[in-house]
Amino acid sequence: MSVRLQREPFDAAAETAALTRGRTDIGAVVAFTGICRGAEDGAPIAALTLEHYPGMAEAEIARHVEDAQSRWALLGVTVIHRYGRIAPGEPIVLVLAASSHRHDAFAAAEFLMDFLKTRAPFWKQVEAAGSTSWVDAKQSDDSAAERWSGAPPRDRDAAE
């Protein structure tokens, strides 16, 4: 498991290669890269600024990675989340979930992204047209995360 918070952009391909290097037990890696859009709610933006609570953010993300590892048969997880000022087109977040079979990798990556969108201690500010505003939580993100509140299905033998 690797959880990193950083200002600098990351290289998703290099991170995937590092996760799988020398591993022949991994049969699937699901990668999600979140990228800063050039518009928020239809209005053009100049940048996003992401703030976090150092120490607490890493611990919270690690706790949810451990939860994902208890739910699915994962062989590796990498989560990188940037903070600071991020321009449109730049990467914000990377989630890599590796397993023997695709089902566990897909489910874990989606679970982790739903958590990052709703419960990770980050605050997002939008810079647009000479003004800034904080972004409120979205009900649609909360609804997506609620589906994970029950016990996970664990039929690994049927997963491919």
N, C-alpha and C. Protein backbone atom coordinates (compact mmCIF):
# COMPACT_ATOMS: atom_id res chain seq x y z
N MET A 1 0.85 -1.18 0.00
CA MET A 1 0.00 0.00 0.00
C MET A 1 0.89 1.23 0.00
N SER A 2 0.53 2.18 -0.85
CA SER A 2 1.25 3.44 -0.89
C SER A 2 0.23 4.57 -0.95
N VAL A 3 0.31 5.49 0.01
CA VAL A 3 -0.54 6.67 0.04
C VAL A 3 0.38 7.88 0.10
N ARG A 4 0.23 8.78 -0.88
CA ARG A 4 1.07 9.97 -0.92
C ARG A 4 0.22 11.20 -1.21
N LEU A 5 0.51 12.27 -0.52
CA LEU A 5 -0.04 13.57 -0.82
C LEU A 5 1.13 14.44 -1.26
N GLN A 6 0.97 15.13 -2.37
CA GLN A 6 2.09 15.89 -2.92
C GLN A 6 1.60 17.05 -3.75
N ARG A 7 2.45 18.06 -3.89
CA ARG A 7 2.15 19.21 -4.75
C ARG A 7 2.43 18.90 -6.22
N GLU A 8 3.46 18.11 -6.48
CA GLU A 8 3.95 17.87 -7.83
C GLU A 8 3.02 16.94 -8.61
N PRO A 9 2.96 17.14 -9.94
CA PRO A 9 2.24 16.17 -10.78
C PRO A 9 2.88 14.78 -10.67
N PHE A 10 2.13 13.75 -11.03
CA PHE A 10 2.62 12.38 -10.99
C PHE A 10 2.53 11.80 -12.40
N ASP A 11 3.23 10.69 -12.59
CA ASP A 11 3.22 9.97 -13.87
C ASP A 11 2.48 8.65 -13.63
N ALA A 12 1.24 8.57 -14.12
CA ALA A 12 0.41 7.39 -13.87
C ALA A 12 1.05 6.11 -14.42
N ALA A 13 1.65 6.19 -15.60
CA ALA A 13 2.28 5.00 -16.18
C ALA A 13 3.47 4.54 -15.34
N ALA A 14 4.27 5.48 -14.86
CA ALA A 14 5.42 5.12 -14.02
C ALA A 14 4.96 4.52 -12.69
N GLU A 15 3.87 5.06 -12.14
CA GLU A 15 3.34 4.51 -10.88
C GLU A 15 2.80 3.09 -11.08
N THR A 16 2.14 2.85 -12.21
CA THR A 16 1.64 1.51 -12.51
C THR A 16 2.80 0.54 -12.68
N ALA A 17 3.83 0.97 -13.39
CA ALA A 17 5.01 0.12 -13.58
C ALA A 17 5.67 -0.20 -12.24
N ALA A 18 5.76 0.77 -11.36
CA ALA A 18 6.36 0.53 -10.04
C ALA A 18 5.53 -0.46 -9.22
N LEU A 19 4.21 -0.37 -9.32
CA LEU A 19 3.33 -1.26 -8.57
C LEU A 19 3.44 -2.70 -9.06
N THR A 20 3.63 -2.90 -10.35
CA THR A 20 3.61 -4.25 -10.93
C THR A 20 5.00 -4.84 -11.18
N ARG A 21 6.05 -4.05 -11.04
CA ARG A 21 7.41 -4.52 -11.35
C ARG A 21 7.75 -5.82 -10.60
N GLY A 22 8.11 -6.82 -11.36
CA GLY A 22 8.52 -8.10 -10.80
C GLY A 22 7.38 -8.95 -10.26
N ARG A 23 6.16 -8.55 -10.48
CA ARG A 23 5.01 -9.27 -9.93
C ARG A 23 4.34 -10.09 -11.03
N THR A 24 4.27 -11.38 -10.83
CA THR A 24 3.56 -12.24 -11.79
C THR A 24 2.23 -12.73 -11.22
N ASP A 25 1.92 -12.33 -9.98
CA ASP A 25 0.65 -12.72 -9.37
C ASP A 25 -0.46 -11.73 -9.69
N ILE A 26 -0.11 -10.56 -10.20
CA ILE A 26 -1.11 -9.54 -10.53
C ILE A 26 -1.68 -9.83 -11.91
N GLY A 27 -3.00 -9.95 -11.97
CA GLY A 27 -3.67 -10.20 -13.24
C GLY A 27 -4.48 -9.01 -13.73
N ALA A 28 -4.64 -8.00 -12.86
CA ALA A 28 -5.43 -6.83 -13.24
C ALA A 28 -4.97 -5.62 -12.44
N VAL A 29 -4.86 -4.50 -13.12
CA VAL A 29 -4.65 -3.21 -12.46
C VAL A 29 -5.67 -2.25 -13.02
N VAL A 30 -6.47 -1.69 -12.14
CA VAL A 30 -7.41 -0.66 -12.53
C VAL A 30 -6.81 0.67 -12.08
N ALA A 31 -6.73 1.59 -13.03
CA ALA A 31 -6.17 2.91 -12.76
C ALA A 31 -7.23 3.97 -13.01
N PHE A 32 -7.37 4.87 -12.05
CA PHE A 32 -8.22 6.03 -12.23
C PHE A 32 -7.36 7.27 -12.02
N THR A 33 -7.39 8.17 -12.99
CA THR A 33 -6.71 9.44 -12.86
C THR A 33 -7.75 10.55 -12.98
N GLY A 34 -7.87 11.35 -11.93
CA GLY A 34 -8.75 12.51 -11.96
C GLY A 34 -7.96 13.70 -12.47
N ILE A 35 -8.55 14.44 -13.40
CA ILE A 35 -7.87 15.55 -14.05
C ILE A 35 -8.68 16.83 -13.82
N CYS A 36 -8.00 17.94 -13.59
CA CYS A 36 -8.65 19.22 -13.39
C CYS A 36 -9.32 19.66 -14.69
N ARG A 37 -10.63 19.87 -14.65
CA ARG A 37 -11.37 20.36 -15.81
C ARG A 37 -11.16 21.86 -15.97
N GLY A 38 -11.45 22.36 -17.15
CA GLY A 38 -11.34 23.78 -17.43
C GLY A 38 -12.62 24.53 -17.14
N ALA A 39 -13.63 23.82 -16.61
CA ALA A 39 -14.90 24.47 -16.27
C ALA A 39 -15.50 23.77 -15.06
N GLU A 40 -16.19 24.52 -14.26
CA GLU A 40 -16.89 23.99 -13.09
C GLU A 40 -18.33 24.47 -13.19
N ASP A 41 -19.28 23.55 -13.23
CA ASP A 41 -20.71 23.91 -13.38
C ASP A 41 -20.93 24.79 -14.61
N GLY A 42 -20.21 24.51 -15.70
CA GLY A 42 -20.39 25.23 -16.95
C GLY A 42 -19.62 26.53 -17.08
N ALA A 43 -19.02 27.01 -16.00
CA ALA A 43 -18.27 28.27 -16.05
C ALA A 43 -16.77 27.97 -16.14
N PRO A 44 -16.04 28.69 -17.00
CA PRO A 44 -14.60 28.46 -17.12
C PRO A 44 -13.87 28.76 -15.81
N ILE A 45 -12.84 27.98 -15.54
CA ILE A 45 -12.03 28.22 -14.34
C ILE A 45 -10.57 28.39 -14.72
N ALA A 46 -9.84 29.09 -13.87
CA ALA A 46 -8.40 29.28 -14.06
C ALA A 46 -7.61 28.20 -13.35
N ALA A 47 -8.13 27.74 -12.20
CA ALA A 47 -7.42 26.72 -11.42
C ALA A 47 -8.29 26.24 -10.26
N LEU A 48 -7.87 25.14 -9.69
CA LEU A 48 -8.41 24.65 -8.41
C LEU A 48 -7.28 24.74 -7.40
N THR A 49 -7.65 25.05 -6.17
CA THR A 49 -6.68 24.96 -5.08
C THR A 49 -7.24 23.97 -4.09
N LEU A 50 -6.45 22.94 -3.83
CA LEU A 50 -6.85 21.90 -2.88
C LEU A 50 -6.03 22.05 -1.61
N GLU A 51 -6.74 22.08 -0.48
CA GLU A 51 -6.09 22.15 0.82
C GLU A 51 -6.44 20.87 1.58
N HIS A 52 -5.57 20.51 2.51
CA HIS A 52 -5.81 19.31 3.32
C HIS A 52 -5.25 19.52 4.72
N TYR A 53 -5.59 18.61 5.58
CA TYR A 53 -5.08 18.62 6.94
C TYR A 53 -3.92 17.62 6.98
N PRO A 54 -2.64 18.10 6.94
CA PRO A 54 -1.49 17.19 6.89
C PRO A 54 -1.50 16.19 8.06
N GLY A 55 -1.13 14.98 7.76
CA GLY A 55 -1.12 13.91 8.76
C GLY A 55 -2.48 13.24 8.86
N MET A 56 -3.52 14.01 9.08
CA MET A 56 -4.86 13.45 9.18
C MET A 56 -5.32 12.92 7.83
N ALA A 57 -5.06 13.65 6.76
CA ALA A 57 -5.51 13.23 5.43
C ALA A 57 -4.86 11.90 5.05
N GLU A 58 -3.56 11.77 5.24
CA GLU A 58 -2.88 10.51 4.91
C GLU A 58 -3.42 9.35 5.74
N ALA A 59 -3.65 9.59 7.04
CA ALA A 59 -4.16 8.54 7.92
C ALA A 59 -5.57 8.11 7.51
N GLU A 60 -6.42 9.07 7.16
CA GLU A 60 -7.79 8.74 6.74
C GLU A 60 -7.79 7.94 5.44
N ILE A 61 -6.97 8.36 4.48
CA ILE A 61 -6.90 7.63 3.21
C ILE A 61 -6.37 6.22 3.46
N ALA A 62 -5.32 6.09 4.27
CA ALA A 62 -4.76 4.77 4.58
C ALA A 62 -5.80 3.88 5.25
N ARG A 63 -6.61 4.45 6.12
CA ARG A 63 -7.66 3.67 6.79
C ARG A 63 -8.66 3.11 5.77
N HIS A 64 -9.00 3.90 4.77
CA HIS A 64 -9.93 3.42 3.75
C HIS A 64 -9.27 2.45 2.78
N VAL A 65 -7.99 2.59 2.55
CA VAL A 65 -7.27 1.59 1.75
C VAL A 65 -7.29 0.26 2.49
N GLU A 66 -7.06 0.29 3.80
CA GLU A 66 -7.12 -0.94 4.59
C GLU A 66 -8.52 -1.56 4.53
N ASP A 67 -9.56 -0.72 4.56
CA ASP A 67 -10.93 -1.21 4.43
C ASP A 67 -11.10 -1.90 3.07
N ALA A 68 -10.60 -1.27 2.00
CA ALA A 68 -10.69 -1.88 0.67
C ALA A 68 -9.95 -3.22 0.65
N GLN A 69 -8.80 -3.29 1.29
CA GLN A 69 -8.03 -4.53 1.32
C GLN A 69 -8.76 -5.63 2.09
N SER A 70 -9.58 -5.25 3.06
CA SER A 70 -10.35 -6.27 3.79
C SER A 70 -11.58 -6.72 3.00
N ARG A 71 -12.05 -5.89 2.07
CA ARG A 71 -13.23 -6.21 1.28
C ARG A 71 -12.91 -7.03 0.03
N TRP A 72 -11.76 -6.76 -0.58
CA TRP A 72 -11.40 -7.40 -1.85
C TRP A 72 -10.00 -7.96 -1.78
N ALA A 73 -9.72 -8.94 -2.61
CA ALA A 73 -8.41 -9.60 -2.65
C ALA A 73 -7.44 -8.74 -3.46
N LEU A 74 -6.87 -7.76 -2.80
CA LEU A 74 -5.97 -6.83 -3.48
C LEU A 74 -4.52 -7.24 -3.26
N LEU A 75 -3.73 -7.05 -4.29
CA LEU A 75 -2.30 -7.36 -4.22
C LEU A 75 -1.45 -6.09 -4.17
N GLY A 76 -2.08 -4.96 -4.32
CA GLY A 76 -1.38 -3.69 -4.22
C GLY A 76 -2.33 -2.53 -4.44
N VAL A 77 -2.06 -1.42 -3.77
CA VAL A 77 -2.86 -0.21 -3.92
C VAL A 77 -1.92 0.99 -3.86
N THR A 78 -2.15 1.92 -4.76
CA THR A 78 -1.45 3.21 -4.72
C THR A 78 -2.50 4.30 -4.80
N VAL A 79 -2.41 5.26 -3.89
CA VAL A 79 -3.26 6.45 -3.94
C VAL A 79 -2.34 7.65 -3.85
N ILE A 80 -2.43 8.51 -4.85
CA ILE A 80 -1.68 9.77 -4.84
C ILE A 80 -2.71 10.89 -5.01
N HIS A 81 -2.69 11.84 -4.10
CA HIS A 81 -3.60 12.99 -4.20
C HIS A 81 -2.76 14.25 -4.11
N ARG A 82 -2.97 15.14 -5.06
CA ARG A 82 -2.25 16.39 -5.06
C ARG A 82 -2.97 17.44 -4.22
N TYR A 83 -2.22 18.42 -3.80
CA TYR A 83 -2.77 19.59 -3.13
C TYR A 83 -2.05 20.82 -3.66
N GLY A 84 -2.57 21.98 -3.33
CA GLY A 84 -2.02 23.22 -3.86
C GLY A 84 -2.81 23.66 -5.08
N ARG A 85 -2.22 24.57 -5.84
CA ARG A 85 -2.89 25.12 -7.03
C ARG A 85 -2.68 24.17 -8.21
N ILE A 86 -3.79 23.80 -8.85
CA ILE A 86 -3.76 22.84 -9.96
C ILE A 86 -4.49 23.47 -11.14
N ALA A 87 -3.81 23.54 -12.26
CA ALA A 87 -4.37 24.17 -13.47
C ALA A 87 -5.18 23.16 -14.28
N PRO A 88 -6.12 23.63 -15.09
CA PRO A 88 -6.88 22.73 -15.96
C PRO A 88 -5.94 21.87 -16.82
N GLY A 89 -6.30 20.60 -16.93
CA GLY A 89 -5.49 19.65 -17.69
C GLY A 89 -4.46 18.91 -16.85
N GLU A 90 -4.20 19.38 -15.64
CA GLU A 90 -3.23 18.70 -14.77
C GLU A 90 -3.91 17.61 -13.95
N PRO A 91 -3.16 16.55 -13.62
CA PRO A 91 -3.74 15.48 -12.80
C PRO A 91 -3.93 15.92 -11.35
N ILE A 92 -5.01 15.42 -10.74
CA ILE A 92 -5.30 15.72 -9.34
C ILE A 92 -5.08 14.48 -8.48
N VAL A 93 -5.63 13.34 -8.91
CA VAL A 93 -5.62 12.15 -8.07
C VAL A 93 -5.37 10.92 -8.93
N LEU A 94 -4.67 9.95 -8.33
CA LEU A 94 -4.44 8.65 -8.96
C LEU A 94 -4.80 7.56 -7.97
N VAL A 95 -5.62 6.62 -8.41
CA VAL A 95 -5.91 5.42 -7.63
C VAL A 95 -5.56 4.23 -8.50
N LEU A 96 -4.68 3.37 -7.99
CA LEU A 96 -4.33 2.11 -8.64
C LEU A 96 -4.74 0.98 -7.71
N ALA A 97 -5.48 0.03 -8.23
CA ALA A 97 -5.87 -1.16 -7.46
C ALA A 97 -5.45 -2.39 -8.25
N ALA A 98 -4.62 -3.23 -7.64
CA ALA A 98 -4.11 -4.42 -8.31
C ALA A 98 -4.63 -5.67 -7.61
N SER A 99 -5.01 -6.66 -8.42
CA SER A 99 -5.49 -7.93 -7.88
C SER A 99 -5.22 -9.03 -8.90
N SER A 100 -5.55 -10.24 -8.52
CA SER A 100 -5.42 -11.36 -9.46
C SER A 100 -6.47 -11.29 -10.55
N HIS A 101 -7.64 -10.74 -10.19
CA HIS A 101 -8.77 -10.71 -11.12
C HIS A 101 -9.36 -9.31 -11.20
N ARG A 102 -9.94 -8.99 -12.32
CA ARG A 102 -10.44 -7.64 -12.60
C ARG A 102 -11.54 -7.19 -11.66
N HIS A 103 -12.43 -8.08 -11.25
CA HIS A 103 -13.56 -7.68 -10.42
C HIS A 103 -13.11 -6.96 -9.16
N ASP A 104 -12.19 -7.56 -8.44
CA ASP A 104 -11.72 -6.95 -7.19
C ASP A 104 -11.02 -5.62 -7.45
N ALA A 105 -10.24 -5.54 -8.52
CA ALA A 105 -9.54 -4.30 -8.84
C ALA A 105 -10.52 -3.18 -9.19
N PHE A 106 -11.52 -3.47 -10.03
CA PHE A 106 -12.51 -2.46 -10.39
C PHE A 106 -13.29 -1.99 -9.15
N ALA A 107 -13.77 -2.93 -8.36
CA ALA A 107 -14.57 -2.57 -7.19
C ALA A 107 -13.76 -1.74 -6.20
N ALA A 108 -12.54 -2.13 -5.94
CA ALA A 108 -11.72 -1.39 -4.97
C ALA A 108 -11.40 0.02 -5.46
N ALA A 109 -11.08 0.16 -6.73
CA ALA A 109 -10.78 1.49 -7.26
C ALA A 109 -12.00 2.40 -7.16
N GLU A 110 -13.17 1.86 -7.48
CA GLU A 110 -14.39 2.67 -7.40
C GLU A 110 -14.72 3.03 -5.95
N PHE A 111 -14.57 2.08 -5.05
CA PHE A 111 -14.78 2.32 -3.62
C PHE A 111 -13.86 3.44 -3.13
N LEU A 112 -12.59 3.36 -3.47
CA LEU A 112 -11.63 4.36 -3.01
C LEU A 112 -11.93 5.75 -3.58
N MET A 113 -12.31 5.82 -4.84
CA MET A 113 -12.65 7.12 -5.42
C MET A 113 -13.91 7.70 -4.77
N ASP A 114 -14.90 6.86 -4.51
CA ASP A 114 -16.10 7.35 -3.84
C ASP A 114 -15.74 7.92 -2.47
N PHE A 115 -14.85 7.26 -1.75
CA PHE A 115 -14.40 7.78 -0.46
C PHE A 115 -13.66 9.11 -0.62
N LEU A 116 -12.73 9.16 -1.57
CA LEU A 116 -11.95 10.38 -1.77
C LEU A 116 -12.84 11.57 -2.10
N LYS A 117 -13.90 11.33 -2.87
CA LYS A 117 -14.81 12.42 -3.24
C LYS A 117 -15.68 12.89 -2.07
N THR A 118 -15.93 12.03 -1.09
CA THR A 118 -16.91 12.38 -0.06
C THR A 118 -16.36 12.51 1.35
N ARG A 119 -15.30 11.78 1.67
CA ARG A 119 -14.90 11.74 3.08
C ARG A 119 -13.44 12.07 3.36
N ALA A 120 -12.63 12.16 2.34
CA ALA A 120 -11.23 12.53 2.56
C ALA A 120 -11.17 14.00 2.96
N PRO A 121 -10.33 14.34 3.93
CA PRO A 121 -10.28 15.72 4.42
C PRO A 121 -9.52 16.66 3.48
N PHE A 122 -10.19 17.00 2.37
CA PHE A 122 -9.69 17.97 1.40
C PHE A 122 -10.74 19.05 1.23
N TRP A 123 -10.29 20.25 0.94
CA TRP A 123 -11.18 21.35 0.65
C TRP A 123 -10.77 21.92 -0.69
N LYS A 124 -11.76 22.17 -1.56
CA LYS A 124 -11.49 22.60 -2.92
C LYS A 124 -12.02 24.01 -3.14
N GLN A 125 -11.13 24.86 -3.65
CA GLN A 125 -11.50 26.23 -3.98
C GLN A 125 -11.32 26.43 -5.47
N VAL A 126 -12.31 27.06 -6.11
CA VAL A 126 -12.28 27.31 -7.54
C VAL A 126 -11.89 28.77 -7.77
N GLU A 127 -10.94 28.94 -8.68
CA GLU A 127 -10.51 30.27 -9.09
C GLU A 127 -11.07 30.53 -10.49
N ALA A 128 -11.93 31.55 -10.60
CA ALA A 128 -12.56 31.84 -11.89
C ALA A 128 -12.86 33.33 -12.00
N ALA A 129 -12.57 33.90 -13.15
CA ALA A 129 -12.91 35.29 -13.46
C ALA A 129 -12.56 36.25 -12.33
N GLY A 130 -11.35 36.11 -11.79
CA GLY A 130 -10.87 37.04 -10.76
C GLY A 130 -11.47 36.84 -9.39
N SER A 131 -12.23 35.77 -9.18
CA SER A 131 -12.80 35.51 -7.86
C SER A 131 -12.52 34.06 -7.47
N THR A 132 -12.71 33.77 -6.20
CA THR A 132 -12.56 32.40 -5.72
C THR A 132 -13.80 32.01 -4.92
N SER A 133 -14.11 30.71 -4.93
CA SER A 133 -15.23 30.20 -4.14
C SER A 133 -14.93 28.76 -3.73
N TRP A 134 -15.40 28.41 -2.54
CA TRP A 134 -15.23 27.05 -2.05
C TRP A 134 -16.31 26.17 -2.67
N VAL A 135 -15.95 24.92 -2.97
CA VAL A 135 -16.87 23.97 -3.58
C VAL A 135 -17.58 23.19 -2.49
N ASP A 136 -18.91 23.16 -2.56
CA ASP A 136 -19.72 22.41 -1.60
C ASP A 136 -19.76 20.94 -2.00
N ALA A 137 -20.01 20.09 -1.02
CA ALA A 137 -20.20 18.66 -1.28
C ALA A 137 -21.42 18.48 -2.16
N LYS A 138 -21.40 17.42 -2.97
CA LYS A 138 -22.52 17.14 -3.87
C LYS A 138 -23.30 15.92 -3.37
N GLN A 139 -24.61 16.03 -3.38
CA GLN A 139 -25.47 14.93 -2.96
C GLN A 139 -25.23 13.69 -3.81
N SER A 140 -24.96 13.87 -5.10
CA SER A 140 -24.74 12.72 -5.98
C SER A 140 -23.49 11.94 -5.56
N ASP A 141 -22.46 12.63 -5.09
CA ASP A 141 -21.26 11.94 -4.60
C ASP A 141 -21.57 11.18 -3.31
N ASP A 142 -22.34 11.82 -2.41
CA ASP A 142 -22.72 11.15 -1.16
C ASP A 142 -23.56 9.90 -1.44
N SER A 143 -24.47 10.00 -2.40
CA SER A 143 -25.31 8.85 -2.75
C SER A 143 -24.47 7.71 -3.30
N ALA A 144 -23.49 8.03 -4.12
CA ALA A 144 -22.62 7.00 -4.69
C ALA A 144 -21.85 6.29 -3.58
N ALA A 145 -21.39 7.02 -2.59
CA ALA A 145 -20.61 6.43 -1.50
C ALA A 145 -21.46 5.58 -0.57
N GLU A 146 -22.73 5.90 -0.44
CA GLU A 146 -23.62 5.17 0.47
C GLU A 146 -23.77 3.70 0.09
N ARG A 147 -23.60 3.37 -1.16
CA ARG A 147 -23.78 1.97 -1.58
C ARG A 147 -22.75 1.04 -0.97
N TRP A 148 -21.64 1.60 -0.45
CA TRP A 148 -20.58 0.77 0.13
C TRP A 148 -20.78 0.52 1.62
N SER A 149 -21.88 1.00 2.21
CA SER A 149 -22.06 0.89 3.65
C SER A 149 -22.34 -0.54 4.11
N GLY A 150 -22.81 -1.40 3.24
CA GLY A 150 -23.09 -2.78 3.61
C GLY A 150 -21.86 -3.66 3.48
N ALA A 151 -22.01 -4.91 3.81
CA ALA A 151 -20.91 -5.86 3.68
C ALA A 151 -20.63 -6.11 2.20
N PRO A 152 -19.37 -6.23 1.83
CA PRO A 152 -19.03 -6.42 0.42
C PRO A 152 -19.29 -7.84 -0.05
N PRO A 153 -19.62 -7.99 -1.32
CA PRO A 153 -19.70 -9.35 -1.87
C PRO A 153 -18.29 -9.90 -2.00
N ARG A 154 -18.09 -11.18 -1.65
CA ARG A 154 -16.75 -11.77 -1.73
C ARG A 154 -16.82 -13.12 -2.41
N ASP A 155 -17.13 -13.15 -3.66
CA ASP A 155 -17.14 -14.39 -4.41
C ASP A 155 -15.97 -14.36 -5.38
N ARG A 156 -14.77 -14.47 -4.83
CA ARG A 156 -13.56 -14.35 -5.64
C ARG A 156 -13.42 -15.47 -6.66
N ASP A 157 -13.96 -16.64 -6.34
CA ASP A 157 -13.82 -17.76 -7.26
C ASP A 157 -14.57 -17.50 -8.56
N ALA A 158 -15.66 -16.72 -8.48
CA ALA A 158 -16.44 -16.42 -9.67
C ALA A 158 -15.87 -15.23 -10.44
N ALA A 159 -15.03 -14.43 -9.77
CA ALA A 159 -14.47 -13.23 -10.41
C ALA A 159 -13.36 -13.62 -11.38
N GLU A 160 -13.28 -12.88 -12.48
CA GLU A 160 -12.20 -13.12 -13.45
C GLU A 160 -11.49 -11.84 -13.74
